Amino acid sequence: VFLTSNNSREMSDALKRRCLHLYIPFPDT
């Protein structure tokens, strides 16, 4: 399962607890 978010709002703590967190920034050069 993948859930994607553009950070337009904060996700609930309950949802975050159930997931691994992965942040993908803009790539470097």
mmCIF file of all heavy atoms, coordinates in Angstrom:
data_MODEL
# 
_entry.id   MODEL 
# 
loop_
_atom_site.group_PDB 
_atom_site.id 
_atom_site.type_symbol 
_atom_site.label_atom_id 
_atom_site.label_alt_id 
_atom_site.label_comp_id 
_atom_site.label_asym_id 
_atom_site.label_entity_id 
_atom_site.label_seq_id 
_atom_site.pdbx_PDB_ins_code 
_atom_site.Cartn_x 
_atom_site.Cartn_y 
_atom_site.Cartn_z 
_atom_site.occupancy 
_atom_site.B_iso_or_equiv 
_atom_site.pdbx_formal_charge 
_atom_site.auth_seq_id 
_atom_site.auth_comp_id 
_atom_site.auth_asym_id 
_atom_site.auth_atom_id 
_atom_site.pdbx_PDB_model_num 
ATOM 1   N N   . VAL A 1 1  ? 0.826  -1.205 0.000   1.00 0.00 ? 1  VAL A N   1 
ATOM 2   C CA  . VAL A 1 1  ? 0.000  0.000  0.000   1.00 0.00 ? 1  VAL A CA  1 
ATOM 3   C C   . VAL A 1 1  ? 0.861  1.256  0.000   1.00 0.00 ? 1  VAL A C   1 
ATOM 4   O O   . VAL A 1 1  ? 1.770  1.399  0.823   1.00 0.00 ? 1  VAL A O   1 
ATOM 5   C CB  . VAL A 1 1  ? -0.938 0.020  1.228   1.00 0.00 ? 1  VAL A CB  1 
ATOM 6   C CG1 . VAL A 1 1  ? -1.816 1.271  1.197   1.00 0.00 ? 1  VAL A CG1 1 
ATOM 7   C CG2 . VAL A 1 1  ? -1.790 -1.239 1.277   1.00 0.00 ? 1  VAL A CG2 1 
ATOM 8   N N   . PHE A 1 2  ? 0.551  2.162  -0.922  1.00 0.00 ? 2  PHE A N   1 
ATOM 9   C CA  . PHE A 1 2  ? 1.164  3.490  -0.961  1.00 0.00 ? 2  PHE A CA  1 
ATOM 10  C C   . PHE A 1 2  ? 0.072  4.532  -0.764  1.00 0.00 ? 2  PHE A C   1 
ATOM 11  O O   . PHE A 1 2  ? -0.962 4.479  -1.429  1.00 0.00 ? 2  PHE A O   1 
ATOM 12  C CB  . PHE A 1 2  ? 1.842  3.748  -2.314  1.00 0.00 ? 2  PHE A CB  1 
ATOM 13  C CG  . PHE A 1 2  ? 3.051  2.911  -2.582  1.00 0.00 ? 2  PHE A CG  1 
ATOM 14  C CD1 . PHE A 1 2  ? 2.940  1.688  -3.221  1.00 0.00 ? 2  PHE A CD1 1 
ATOM 15  C CD2 . PHE A 1 2  ? 4.318  3.345  -2.203  1.00 0.00 ? 2  PHE A CD2 1 
ATOM 16  C CE1 . PHE A 1 2  ? 4.055  0.900  -3.475  1.00 0.00 ? 2  PHE A CE1 1 
ATOM 17  C CE2 . PHE A 1 2  ? 5.443  2.575  -2.456  1.00 0.00 ? 2  PHE A CE2 1 
ATOM 18  C CZ  . PHE A 1 2  ? 5.311  1.350  -3.099  1.00 0.00 ? 2  PHE A CZ  1 
ATOM 19  N N   . LEU A 1 3  ? 0.294  5.449  0.157   1.00 0.00 ? 3  LEU A N   1 
ATOM 20  C CA  . LEU A 1 3  ? -0.540 6.632  0.258   1.00 0.00 ? 3  LEU A CA  1 
ATOM 21  C C   . LEU A 1 3  ? 0.336  7.825  -0.103  1.00 0.00 ? 3  LEU A C   1 
ATOM 22  O O   . LEU A 1 3  ? 1.455  7.959  0.424   1.00 0.00 ? 3  LEU A O   1 
ATOM 23  C CB  . LEU A 1 3  ? -1.090 6.822  1.672   1.00 0.00 ? 3  LEU A CB  1 
ATOM 24  C CG  . LEU A 1 3  ? -1.946 5.697  2.262   1.00 0.00 ? 3  LEU A CG  1 
ATOM 25  C CD1 . LEU A 1 3  ? -1.078 4.746  3.074   1.00 0.00 ? 3  LEU A CD1 1 
ATOM 26  C CD2 . LEU A 1 3  ? -3.045 6.257  3.150   1.00 0.00 ? 3  LEU A CD2 1 
ATOM 27  N N   . THR A 1 4  ? -0.104 8.669  -1.011  1.00 0.00 ? 4  THR A N   1 
ATOM 28  C CA  . THR A 1 4  ? 0.696  9.834  -1.371  1.00 0.00 ? 4  THR A CA  1 
ATOM 29  C C   . THR A 1 4  ? 0.028  11.097 -0.860  1.00 0.00 ? 4  THR A C   1 
ATOM 30  O O   . THR A 1 4  ? -1.200 11.184 -0.765  1.00 0.00 ? 4  THR A O   1 
ATOM 31  C CB  . THR A 1 4  ? 0.897  9.949  -2.892  1.00 0.00 ? 4  THR A CB  1 
ATOM 32  O OG1 . THR A 1 4  ? -0.344 10.336 -3.521  1.00 0.00 ? 4  THR A OG1 1 
ATOM 33  C CG2 . THR A 1 4  ? 1.382  8.638  -3.489  1.00 0.00 ? 4  THR A CG2 1 
ATOM 34  N N   . SER A 1 5  ? 0.859  12.079 -0.518  1.00 0.00 ? 5  SER A N   1 
ATOM 35  C CA  . SER A 1 5  ? 0.358  13.359 -0.017  1.00 0.00 ? 5  SER A CA  1 
ATOM 36  C C   . SER A 1 5  ? 1.260  14.478 -0.516  1.00 0.00 ? 5  SER A C   1 
ATOM 37  O O   . SER A 1 5  ? 2.492  14.358 -0.484  1.00 0.00 ? 5  SER A O   1 
ATOM 38  C CB  . SER A 1 5  ? 0.328  13.355 1.512   1.00 0.00 ? 5  SER A CB  1 
ATOM 39  O OG  . SER A 1 5  ? 0.097  14.652 2.022   1.00 0.00 ? 5  SER A OG  1 
ATOM 40  N N   . ASN A 1 6  ? 0.627  15.560 -0.985  1.00 0.00 ? 6  ASN A N   1 
ATOM 41  C CA  . ASN A 1 6  ? 1.362  16.751 -1.401  1.00 0.00 ? 6  ASN A CA  1 
ATOM 42  C C   . ASN A 1 6  ? 1.503  17.765 -0.272  1.00 0.00 ? 6  ASN A C   1 
ATOM 43  O O   . ASN A 1 6  ? 1.861  18.927 -0.506  1.00 0.00 ? 6  ASN A O   1 
ATOM 44  C CB  . ASN A 1 6  ? 0.659  17.420 -2.588  1.00 0.00 ? 6  ASN A CB  1 
ATOM 45  C CG  . ASN A 1 6  ? 0.680  16.558 -3.832  1.00 0.00 ? 6  ASN A CG  1 
ATOM 46  O OD1 . ASN A 1 6  ? 1.621  15.797 -4.059  1.00 0.00 ? 6  ASN A OD1 1 
ATOM 47  N ND2 . ASN A 1 6  ? -0.363 16.645 -4.637  1.00 0.00 ? 6  ASN A ND2 1 
ATOM 48  N N   . ASN A 1 7  ? 1.165  17.324 0.950   1.00 0.00 ? 7  ASN A N   1 
ATOM 49  C CA  . ASN A 1 7  ? 1.284  18.185 2.139   1.00 0.00 ? 7  ASN A CA  1 
ATOM 50  C C   . ASN A 1 7  ? 0.363  19.400 2.097   1.00 0.00 ? 7  ASN A C   1 
ATOM 51  O O   . ASN A 1 7  ? 0.687  20.448 2.652   1.00 0.00 ? 7  ASN A O   1 
ATOM 52  C CB  . ASN A 1 7  ? 2.735  18.651 2.337   1.00 0.00 ? 7  ASN A CB  1 
ATOM 53  C CG  . ASN A 1 7  ? 3.683  17.508 2.656   1.00 0.00 ? 7  ASN A CG  1 
ATOM 54  O OD1 . ASN A 1 7  ? 3.328  16.604 3.403   1.00 0.00 ? 7  ASN A OD1 1 
ATOM 55  N ND2 . ASN A 1 7  ? 4.863  17.529 2.076   1.00 0.00 ? 7  ASN A ND2 1 
ATOM 56  N N   . SER A 1 8  ? -0.788 19.263 1.450   1.00 0.00 ? 8  SER A N   1 
ATOM 57  C CA  . SER A 1 8  ? -1.735 20.373 1.450   1.00 0.00 ? 8  SER A CA  1 
ATOM 58  C C   . SER A 1 8  ? -2.453 20.484 2.792   1.00 0.00 ? 8  SER A C   1 
ATOM 59  O O   . SER A 1 8  ? -3.021 21.528 3.122   1.00 0.00 ? 8  SER A O   1 
ATOM 60  C CB  . SER A 1 8  ? -2.762 20.217 0.320   1.00 0.00 ? 8  SER A CB  1 
ATOM 61  O OG  . SER A 1 8  ? -3.555 19.055 0.512   1.00 0.00 ? 8  SER A OG  1 
ATOM 62  N N   . ARG A 1 9  ? -2.440 19.410 3.571   1.00 0.00 ? 9  ARG A N   1 
ATOM 63  C CA  . ARG A 1 9  ? -2.921 19.441 4.947   1.00 0.00 ? 9  ARG A CA  1 
ATOM 64  C C   . ARG A 1 9  ? -2.197 18.361 5.736   1.00 0.00 ? 9  ARG A C   1 
ATOM 65  O O   . ARG A 1 9  ? -1.602 17.435 5.171   1.00 0.00 ? 9  ARG A O   1 
ATOM 66  C CB  . ARG A 1 9  ? -4.437 19.236 5.019   1.00 0.00 ? 9  ARG A CB  1 
ATOM 67  C CG  . ARG A 1 9  ? -4.931 17.837 4.670   1.00 0.00 ? 9  ARG A CG  1 
ATOM 68  C CD  . ARG A 1 9  ? -6.401 17.681 5.005   1.00 0.00 ? 9  ARG A CD  1 
ATOM 69  N NE  . ARG A 1 9  ? -6.939 16.395 4.603   1.00 0.00 ? 9  ARG A NE  1 
ATOM 70  C CZ  . ARG A 1 9  ? -6.863 15.289 5.353   1.00 0.00 ? 9  ARG A CZ  1 
ATOM 71  N NH1 . ARG A 1 9  ? -6.232 15.312 6.514   1.00 0.00 ? 9  ARG A NH1 1 
ATOM 72  N NH2 . ARG A 1 9  ? -7.386 14.153 4.919   1.00 0.00 ? 9  ARG A NH2 1 
ATOM 73  N N   . GLU A 1 10 ? -2.250 18.481 7.048   1.00 0.00 ? 10 GLU A N   1 
ATOM 74  C CA  . GLU A 1 10 ? -1.574 17.523 7.921   1.00 0.00 ? 10 GLU A CA  1 
ATOM 75  C C   . GLU A 1 10 ? -2.389 16.241 8.035   1.00 0.00 ? 10 GLU A C   1 
ATOM 76  O O   . GLU A 1 10 ? -3.611 16.272 8.200   1.00 0.00 ? 10 GLU A O   1 
ATOM 77  C CB  . GLU A 1 10 ? -1.374 18.137 9.307   1.00 0.00 ? 10 GLU A CB  1 
ATOM 78  C CG  . GLU A 1 10 ? -0.468 17.340 10.224  1.00 0.00 ? 10 GLU A CG  1 
ATOM 79  C CD  . GLU A 1 10 ? 0.985  17.338 9.783   1.00 0.00 ? 10 GLU A CD  1 
ATOM 80  O OE1 . GLU A 1 10 ? 1.378  18.275 9.062   1.00 0.00 ? 10 GLU A OE1 1 
ATOM 81  O OE2 . GLU A 1 10 ? 1.708  16.402 10.161  1.00 0.00 ? 10 GLU A OE2 1 
ATOM 82  N N   . MET A 1 11 ? -1.717 15.105 7.947   1.00 0.00 ? 11 MET A N   1 
ATOM 83  C CA  . MET A 1 11 ? -2.376 13.827 8.161   1.00 0.00 ? 11 MET A CA  1 
ATOM 84  C C   . MET A 1 11 ? -2.560 13.581 9.663   1.00 0.00 ? 11 MET A C   1 
ATOM 85  O O   . MET A 1 11 ? -1.792 14.070 10.479  1.00 0.00 ? 11 MET A O   1 
ATOM 86  C CB  . MET A 1 11 ? -1.543 12.679 7.561   1.00 0.00 ? 11 MET A CB  1 
ATOM 87  C CG  . MET A 1 11 ? -1.353 12.747 6.053   1.00 0.00 ? 11 MET A CG  1 
ATOM 88  S SD  . MET A 1 11 ? -2.889 12.477 5.143   1.00 0.00 ? 11 MET A SD  1 
ATOM 89  C CE  . MET A 1 11 ? -3.310 14.162 4.721   1.00 0.00 ? 11 MET A CE  1 
ATOM 90  N N   . SER A 1 12 ? -3.562 12.792 10.012  1.00 0.00 ? 12 SER A N   1 
ATOM 91  C CA  . SER A 1 12 ? -3.831 12.513 11.424  1.00 0.00 ? 12 SER A CA  1 
ATOM 92  C C   . SER A 1 12 ? -2.736 11.623 12.010  1.00 0.00 ? 12 SER A C   1 
ATOM 93  O O   . SER A 1 12 ? -2.076 10.848 11.309  1.00 0.00 ? 12 SER A O   1 
ATOM 94  C CB  . SER A 1 12 ? -5.183 11.818 11.579  1.00 0.00 ? 12 SER A CB  1 
ATOM 95  O OG  . SER A 1 12 ? -5.134 10.503 11.042  1.00 0.00 ? 12 SER A OG  1 
ATOM 96  N N   . ASP A 1 13 ? -2.552 11.737 13.325  1.00 0.00 ? 13 ASP A N   1 
ATOM 97  C CA  . ASP A 1 13 ? -1.572 10.887 14.012  1.00 0.00 ? 13 ASP A CA  1 
ATOM 98  C C   . ASP A 1 13 ? -1.928 9.418  13.868  1.00 0.00 ? 13 ASP A C   1 
ATOM 99  O O   . ASP A 1 13 ? -1.046 8.562  13.743  1.00 0.00 ? 13 ASP A O   1 
ATOM 100 C CB  . ASP A 1 13 ? -1.498 11.262 15.496  1.00 0.00 ? 13 ASP A CB  1 
ATOM 101 C CG  . ASP A 1 13 ? -0.862 12.621 15.728  1.00 0.00 ? 13 ASP A CG  1 
ATOM 102 O OD1 . ASP A 1 13 ? -0.204 13.131 14.801  1.00 0.00 ? 13 ASP A OD1 1 
ATOM 103 O OD2 . ASP A 1 13 ? -1.026 13.181 16.829  1.00 0.00 ? 13 ASP A OD2 1 
ATOM 104 N N   . ALA A 1 14 ? -3.234 9.114  13.903  1.00 0.00 ? 14 ALA A N   1 
ATOM 105 C CA  . ALA A 1 14 ? -3.668 7.718  13.799  1.00 0.00 ? 14 ALA A CA  1 
ATOM 106 C C   . ALA A 1 14 ? -3.241 7.113  12.464  1.00 0.00 ? 14 ALA A C   1 
ATOM 107 O O   . ALA A 1 14 ? -2.808 5.957  12.402  1.00 0.00 ? 14 ALA A O   1 
ATOM 108 C CB  . ALA A 1 14 ? -5.185 7.631  13.963  1.00 0.00 ? 14 ALA A CB  1 
ATOM 109 N N   . LEU A 1 15 ? -3.369 7.875  11.394  1.00 0.00 ? 15 LEU A N   1 
ATOM 110 C CA  . LEU A 1 15 ? -2.970 7.370  10.090  1.00 0.00 ? 15 LEU A CA  1 
ATOM 111 C C   . LEU A 1 15 ? -1.449 7.229  10.014  1.00 0.00 ? 15 LEU A C   1 
ATOM 112 O O   . LEU A 1 15 ? -0.931 6.220  9.516   1.00 0.00 ? 15 LEU A O   1 
ATOM 113 C CB  . LEU A 1 15 ? -3.479 8.301  8.992   1.00 0.00 ? 15 LEU A CB  1 
ATOM 114 C CG  . LEU A 1 15 ? -3.235 7.834  7.547   1.00 0.00 ? 15 LEU A CG  1 
ATOM 115 C CD1 . LEU A 1 15 ? -4.435 8.161  6.656   1.00 0.00 ? 15 LEU A CD1 1 
ATOM 116 C CD2 . LEU A 1 15 ? -1.977 8.464  6.956   1.00 0.00 ? 15 LEU A CD2 1 
ATOM 117 N N   . LYS A 1 16 ? -0.728 8.243  10.521  1.00 0.00 ? 16 LYS A N   1 
ATOM 118 C CA  . LYS A 1 16 ? 0.732  8.192  10.447  1.00 0.00 ? 16 LYS A CA  1 
ATOM 119 C C   . LYS A 1 16 ? 1.305  7.025  11.241  1.00 0.00 ? 16 LYS A C   1 
ATOM 120 O O   . LYS A 1 16 ? 2.309  6.425  10.836  1.00 0.00 ? 16 LYS A O   1 
ATOM 121 C CB  . LYS A 1 16 ? 1.320  9.515  10.937  1.00 0.00 ? 16 LYS A CB  1 
ATOM 122 C CG  . LYS A 1 16 ? 1.158  10.662 9.950   1.00 0.00 ? 16 LYS A CG  1 
ATOM 123 C CD  . LYS A 1 16 ? 1.946  11.894 10.388  1.00 0.00 ? 16 LYS A CD  1 
ATOM 124 C CE  . LYS A 1 16 ? 1.947  12.942 9.294   1.00 0.00 ? 16 LYS A CE  1 
ATOM 125 N NZ  . LYS A 1 16 ? 2.791  14.104 9.627   1.00 0.00 ? 16 LYS A NZ  1 
ATOM 126 N N   . ARG A 1 17 ? 0.675  6.699  12.372  1.00 0.00 ? 17 ARG A N   1 
ATOM 127 C CA  . ARG A 1 17 ? 1.176  5.589  13.195  1.00 0.00 ? 17 ARG A CA  1 
ATOM 128 C C   . ARG A 1 17 ? 1.126  4.265  12.449  1.00 0.00 ? 17 ARG A C   1 
ATOM 129 O O   . ARG A 1 17 ? 1.918  3.364  12.728  1.00 0.00 ? 17 ARG A O   1 
ATOM 130 C CB  . ARG A 1 17 ? 0.357  5.465  14.482  1.00 0.00 ? 17 ARG A CB  1 
ATOM 131 C CG  . ARG A 1 17 ? 0.698  6.445  15.572  1.00 0.00 ? 17 ARG A CG  1 
ATOM 132 C CD  . ARG A 1 17 ? 0.171  5.968  16.922  1.00 0.00 ? 17 ARG A CD  1 
ATOM 133 N NE  . ARG A 1 17 ? -1.256 5.651  16.893  1.00 0.00 ? 17 ARG A NE  1 
ATOM 134 C CZ  . ARG A 1 17 ? -2.223 6.531  17.110  1.00 0.00 ? 17 ARG A CZ  1 
ATOM 135 N NH1 . ARG A 1 17 ? -1.923 7.794  17.342  1.00 0.00 ? 17 ARG A NH1 1 
ATOM 136 N NH2 . ARG A 1 17 ? -3.492 6.152  17.083  1.00 0.00 ? 17 ARG A NH2 1 
ATOM 137 N N   . ARG A 1 18 ? 0.202  4.133  11.553  1.00 0.00 ? 18 ARG A N   1 
ATOM 138 C CA  . ARG A 1 18 ? 0.012  2.870  10.852  1.00 0.00 ? 18 ARG A CA  1 
ATOM 139 C C   . ARG A 1 18 ? 0.914  2.732  9.635   1.00 0.00 ? 18 ARG A C   1 
ATOM 140 O O   . ARG A 1 18 ? 0.911  1.680  8.981   1.00 0.00 ? 18 ARG A O   1 
ATOM 141 C CB  . ARG A 1 18 ? -1.455 2.727  10.441  1.00 0.00 ? 18 ARG A CB  1 
ATOM 142 C CG  . ARG A 1 18 ? -2.379 2.445  11.620  1.00 0.00 ? 18 ARG A CG  1 
ATOM 143 C CD  . ARG A 1 18 ? -3.831 2.745  11.301  1.00 0.00 ? 18 ARG A CD  1 
ATOM 144 N NE  . ARG A 1 18 ? -4.738 2.250  12.332  1.00 0.00 ? 18 ARG A NE  1 
ATOM 145 C CZ  . ARG A 1 18 ? -4.956 2.851  13.485  1.00 0.00 ? 18 ARG A CZ  1 
ATOM 146 N NH1 . ARG A 1 18 ? -4.316 3.987  13.766  1.00 0.00 ? 18 ARG A NH1 1 
ATOM 147 N NH2 . ARG A 1 18 ? -5.800 2.343  14.378  1.00 0.00 ? 18 ARG A NH2 1 
ATOM 148 N N   . CYS A 1 19 ? 1.650  3.771  9.306   1.00 0.00 ? 19 CYS A N   1 
ATOM 149 C CA  . CYS A 1 19 ? 2.426  3.783  8.065   1.00 0.00 ? 19 CYS A CA  1 
ATOM 150 C C   . CYS A 1 19 ? 3.908  4.028  8.312   1.00 0.00 ? 19 CYS A C   1 
ATOM 151 O O   . CYS A 1 19 ? 4.293  4.688  9.282   1.00 0.00 ? 19 CYS A O   1 
ATOM 152 C CB  . CYS A 1 19 ? 1.914  4.880  7.118   1.00 0.00 ? 19 CYS A CB  1 
ATOM 153 S SG  . CYS A 1 19 ? 0.184  4.757  6.658   1.00 0.00 ? 19 CYS A SG  1 
ATOM 154 N N   . LEU A 1 20 ? 4.732  3.497  7.412   1.00 0.00 ? 20 LEU A N   1 
ATOM 155 C CA  . LEU A 1 20 ? 6.105  3.966  7.310   1.00 0.00 ? 20 LEU A CA  1 
ATOM 156 C C   . LEU A 1 20 ? 6.077  5.322  6.609   1.00 0.00 ? 20 LEU A C   1 
ATOM 157 O O   . LEU A 1 20 ? 5.265  5.538  5.712   1.00 0.00 ? 20 LEU A O   1 
ATOM 158 C CB  . LEU A 1 20 ? 6.951  2.987  6.504   1.00 0.00 ? 20 LEU A CB  1 
ATOM 159 C CG  . LEU A 1 20 ? 7.093  1.561  7.035   1.00 0.00 ? 20 LEU A CG  1 
ATOM 160 C CD1 . LEU A 1 20 ? 7.908  0.719  6.063   1.00 0.00 ? 20 LEU A CD1 1 
ATOM 161 C CD2 . LEU A 1 20 ? 7.732  1.556  8.411   1.00 0.00 ? 20 LEU A CD2 1 
ATOM 162 N N   . HIS A 1 21 ? 6.940  6.218  7.030   1.00 0.00 ? 21 HIS A N   1 
ATOM 163 C CA  . HIS A 1 21 ? 6.959  7.553  6.428   1.00 0.00 ? 21 HIS A CA  1 
ATOM 164 C C   . HIS A 1 21 ? 8.131  7.665  5.454   1.00 0.00 ? 21 HIS A C   1 
ATOM 165 O O   . HIS A 1 21 ? 9.246  7.264  5.754   1.00 0.00 ? 21 HIS A O   1 
ATOM 166 C CB  . HIS A 1 21 ? 7.083  8.633  7.500   1.00 0.00 ? 21 HIS A CB  1 
ATOM 167 C CG  . HIS A 1 21 ? 7.100  10.023 6.942   1.00 0.00 ? 21 HIS A CG  1 
ATOM 168 N ND1 . HIS A 1 21 ? 8.265  10.733 6.741   1.00 0.00 ? 21 HIS A ND1 1 
ATOM 169 C CD2 . HIS A 1 21 ? 6.100  10.823 6.503   1.00 0.00 ? 21 HIS A CD2 1 
ATOM 170 C CE1 . HIS A 1 21 ? 7.981  11.912 6.224   1.00 0.00 ? 21 HIS A CE1 1 
ATOM 171 N NE2 . HIS A 1 21 ? 6.681  11.993 6.066   1.00 0.00 ? 21 HIS A NE2 1 
ATOM 172 N N   . LEU A 1 22 ? 7.836  8.203  4.285   1.00 0.00 ? 22 LEU A N   1 
ATOM 173 C CA  . LEU A 1 22 ? 8.877  8.413  3.272   1.00 0.00 ? 22 LEU A CA  1 
ATOM 174 C C   . LEU A 1 22 ? 8.669  9.792  2.662   1.00 0.00 ? 22 LEU A C   1 
ATOM 175 O O   . LEU A 1 22 ? 7.593  10.077 2.126   1.00 0.00 ? 22 LEU A O   1 
ATOM 176 C CB  . LEU A 1 22 ? 8.790  7.336  2.184   1.00 0.00 ? 22 LEU A CB  1 
ATOM 177 C CG  . LEU A 1 22 ? 9.726  7.498  0.976   1.00 0.00 ? 22 LEU A CG  1 
ATOM 178 C CD1 . LEU A 1 22 ? 11.185 7.417  1.416   1.00 0.00 ? 22 LEU A CD1 1 
ATOM 179 C CD2 . LEU A 1 22 ? 9.426  6.439  -0.085  1.00 0.00 ? 22 LEU A CD2 1 
ATOM 180 N N   . TYR A 1 23 ? 9.679  10.629 2.774   1.00 0.00 ? 23 TYR A N   1 
ATOM 181 C CA  . TYR A 1 23 ? 9.602  11.959 2.184   1.00 0.00 ? 23 TYR A CA  1 
ATOM 182 C C   . TYR A 1 23 ? 10.507 12.008 0.953   1.00 0.00 ? 23 TYR A C   1 
ATOM 183 O O   . TYR A 1 23 ? 11.683 11.649 1.014   1.00 0.00 ? 23 TYR A O   1 
ATOM 184 C CB  . TYR A 1 23 ? 10.034 13.039 3.179   1.00 0.00 ? 23 TYR A CB  1 
ATOM 185 C CG  . TYR A 1 23 ? 9.890  14.449 2.621   1.00 0.00 ? 23 TYR A CG  1 
ATOM 186 C CD1 . TYR A 1 23 ? 8.662  15.103 2.675   1.00 0.00 ? 23 TYR A CD1 1 
ATOM 187 C CD2 . TYR A 1 23 ? 10.963 15.099 2.020   1.00 0.00 ? 23 TYR A CD2 1 
ATOM 188 C CE1 . TYR A 1 23 ? 8.509  16.384 2.148   1.00 0.00 ? 23 TYR A CE1 1 
ATOM 189 C CE2 . TYR A 1 23 ? 10.819 16.370 1.494   1.00 0.00 ? 23 TYR A CE2 1 
ATOM 190 C CZ  . TYR A 1 23 ? 9.588  17.013 1.565   1.00 0.00 ? 23 TYR A CZ  1 
ATOM 191 O OH  . TYR A 1 23 ? 9.450  18.275 1.023   1.00 0.00 ? 23 TYR A OH  1 
ATOM 192 N N   . ILE A 1 24 ? 9.927  12.428 -0.169  1.00 0.00 ? 24 ILE A N   1 
ATOM 193 C CA  . ILE A 1 24 ? 10.697 12.552 -1.409  1.00 0.00 ? 24 ILE A CA  1 
ATOM 194 C C   . ILE A 1 24 ? 10.782 14.034 -1.769  1.00 0.00 ? 24 ILE A C   1 
ATOM 195 O O   . ILE A 1 24 ? 9.765  14.645 -2.121  1.00 0.00 ? 24 ILE A O   1 
ATOM 196 C CB  . ILE A 1 24 ? 10.058 11.761 -2.568  1.00 0.00 ? 24 ILE A CB  1 
ATOM 197 C CG1 . ILE A 1 24 ? 9.917  10.285 -2.200  1.00 0.00 ? 24 ILE A CG1 1 
ATOM 198 C CG2 . ILE A 1 24 ? 10.884 11.922 -3.833  1.00 0.00 ? 24 ILE A CG2 1 
ATOM 199 C CD1 . ILE A 1 24 ? 9.290  9.432  -3.299  1.00 0.00 ? 24 ILE A CD1 1 
ATOM 200 N N   . PRO A 1 25 ? 11.967 14.646 -1.686  1.00 0.00 ? 25 PRO A N   1 
ATOM 201 C CA  . PRO A 1 25 ? 12.119 16.049 -2.054  1.00 0.00 ? 25 PRO A CA  1 
ATOM 202 C C   . PRO A 1 25 ? 12.382 16.174 -3.549  1.00 0.00 ? 25 PRO A C   1 
ATOM 203 O O   . PRO A 1 25 ? 12.495 15.163 -4.270  1.00 0.00 ? 25 PRO A O   1 
ATOM 204 C CB  . PRO A 1 25 ? 13.347 16.478 -1.245  1.00 0.00 ? 25 PRO A CB  1 
ATOM 205 C CG  . PRO A 1 25 ? 14.187 15.225 -1.215  1.00 0.00 ? 25 PRO A CG  1 
ATOM 206 C CD  . PRO A 1 25 ? 13.218 14.060 -1.169  1.00 0.00 ? 25 PRO A CD  1 
ATOM 207 N N   . PHE A 1 26 ? 12.499 17.403 -4.030  1.00 0.00 ? 26 PHE A N   1 
ATOM 208 C CA  . PHE A 1 26 ? 12.977 17.586 -5.392  1.00 0.00 ? 26 PHE A CA  1 
ATOM 209 C C   . PHE A 1 26 ? 14.393 17.033 -5.488  1.00 0.00 ? 26 PHE A C   1 
ATOM 210 O O   . PHE A 1 26 ? 15.180 17.152 -4.539  1.00 0.00 ? 26 PHE A O   1 
ATOM 211 C CB  . PHE A 1 26 ? 12.983 19.074 -5.775  1.00 0.00 ? 26 PHE A CB  1 
ATOM 212 C CG  . PHE A 1 26 ? 11.620 19.627 -6.099  1.00 0.00 ? 26 PHE A CG  1 
ATOM 213 C CD1 . PHE A 1 26 ? 11.054 20.608 -5.309  1.00 0.00 ? 26 PHE A CD1 1 
ATOM 214 C CD2 . PHE A 1 26 ? 10.916 19.166 -7.203  1.00 0.00 ? 26 PHE A CD2 1 
ATOM 215 C CE1 . PHE A 1 26 ? 9.798  21.117 -5.609  1.00 0.00 ? 26 PHE A CE1 1 
ATOM 216 C CE2 . PHE A 1 26 ? 9.658  19.666 -7.507  1.00 0.00 ? 26 PHE A CE2 1 
ATOM 217 C CZ  . PHE A 1 26 ? 9.101  20.651 -6.705  1.00 0.00 ? 26 PHE A CZ  1 
ATOM 218 N N   . PRO A 1 27 ? 14.753 16.423 -6.600  1.00 0.00 ? 27 PRO A N   1 
ATOM 219 C CA  . PRO A 1 27 ? 16.088 15.832 -6.716  1.00 0.00 ? 27 PRO A CA  1 
ATOM 220 C C   . PRO A 1 27 ? 17.173 16.898 -6.793  1.00 0.00 ? 27 PRO A C   1 
ATOM 221 O O   . PRO A 1 27 ? 16.930 18.014 -7.273  1.00 0.00 ? 27 PRO A O   1 
ATOM 222 C CB  . PRO A 1 27 ? 16.006 15.037 -8.024  1.00 0.00 ? 27 PRO A CB  1 
ATOM 223 C CG  . PRO A 1 27 ? 14.963 15.755 -8.823  1.00 0.00 ? 27 PRO A CG  1 
ATOM 224 C CD  . PRO A 1 27 ? 13.961 16.257 -7.835  1.00 0.00 ? 27 PRO A CD  1 
ATOM 225 N N   . ASP A 1 28 ? 18.366 16.551 -6.322  1.00 0.00 ? 28 ASP A N   1 
ATOM 226 C CA  . ASP A 1 28 ? 19.493 17.464 -6.515  1.00 0.00 ? 28 ASP A CA  1 
ATOM 227 C C   . ASP A 1 28 ? 19.980 17.366 -7.953  1.00 0.00 ? 28 ASP A C   1 
ATOM 228 O O   . ASP A 1 28 ? 19.448 16.584 -8.769  1.00 0.00 ? 28 ASP A O   1 
ATOM 229 C CB  . ASP A 1 28 ? 20.618 17.162 -5.516  1.00 0.00 ? 28 ASP A CB  1 
ATOM 230 C CG  . ASP A 1 28 ? 21.180 15.745 -5.640  1.00 0.00 ? 28 ASP A CG  1 
ATOM 231 O OD1 . ASP A 1 28 ? 20.982 15.103 -6.710  1.00 0.00 ? 28 ASP A OD1 1 
ATOM 232 O OD2 . ASP A 1 28 ? 21.799 15.272 -4.683  1.00 0.00 ? 28 ASP A OD2 1 
ATOM 233 N N   . THR A 1 29 ? 20.981 18.138 -8.284  1.00 0.00 ? 29 THR A N   1 
ATOM 234 C CA  . THR A 1 29 ? 21.445 18.209 -9.676  1.00 0.00 ? 29 THR A CA  1 
ATOM 235 C C   . THR A 1 29 ? 21.894 16.849 -10.205 1.00 0.00 ? 29 THR A C   1 
ATOM 236 O O   . THR A 1 29 ? 21.504 16.436 -11.305 1.00 0.00 ? 29 THR A O   1 
ATOM 237 C CB  . THR A 1 29 ? 22.604 19.214 -9.788  1.00 0.00 ? 29 THR A CB  1 
ATOM 238 O OG1 . THR A 1 29 ? 22.147 20.511 -9.393  1.00 0.00 ? 29 THR A OG1 1 
ATOM 239 C CG2 . THR A 1 29 ? 23.123 19.289 -11.223 1.00 0.00 ? 29 THR A CG2 1 
# 
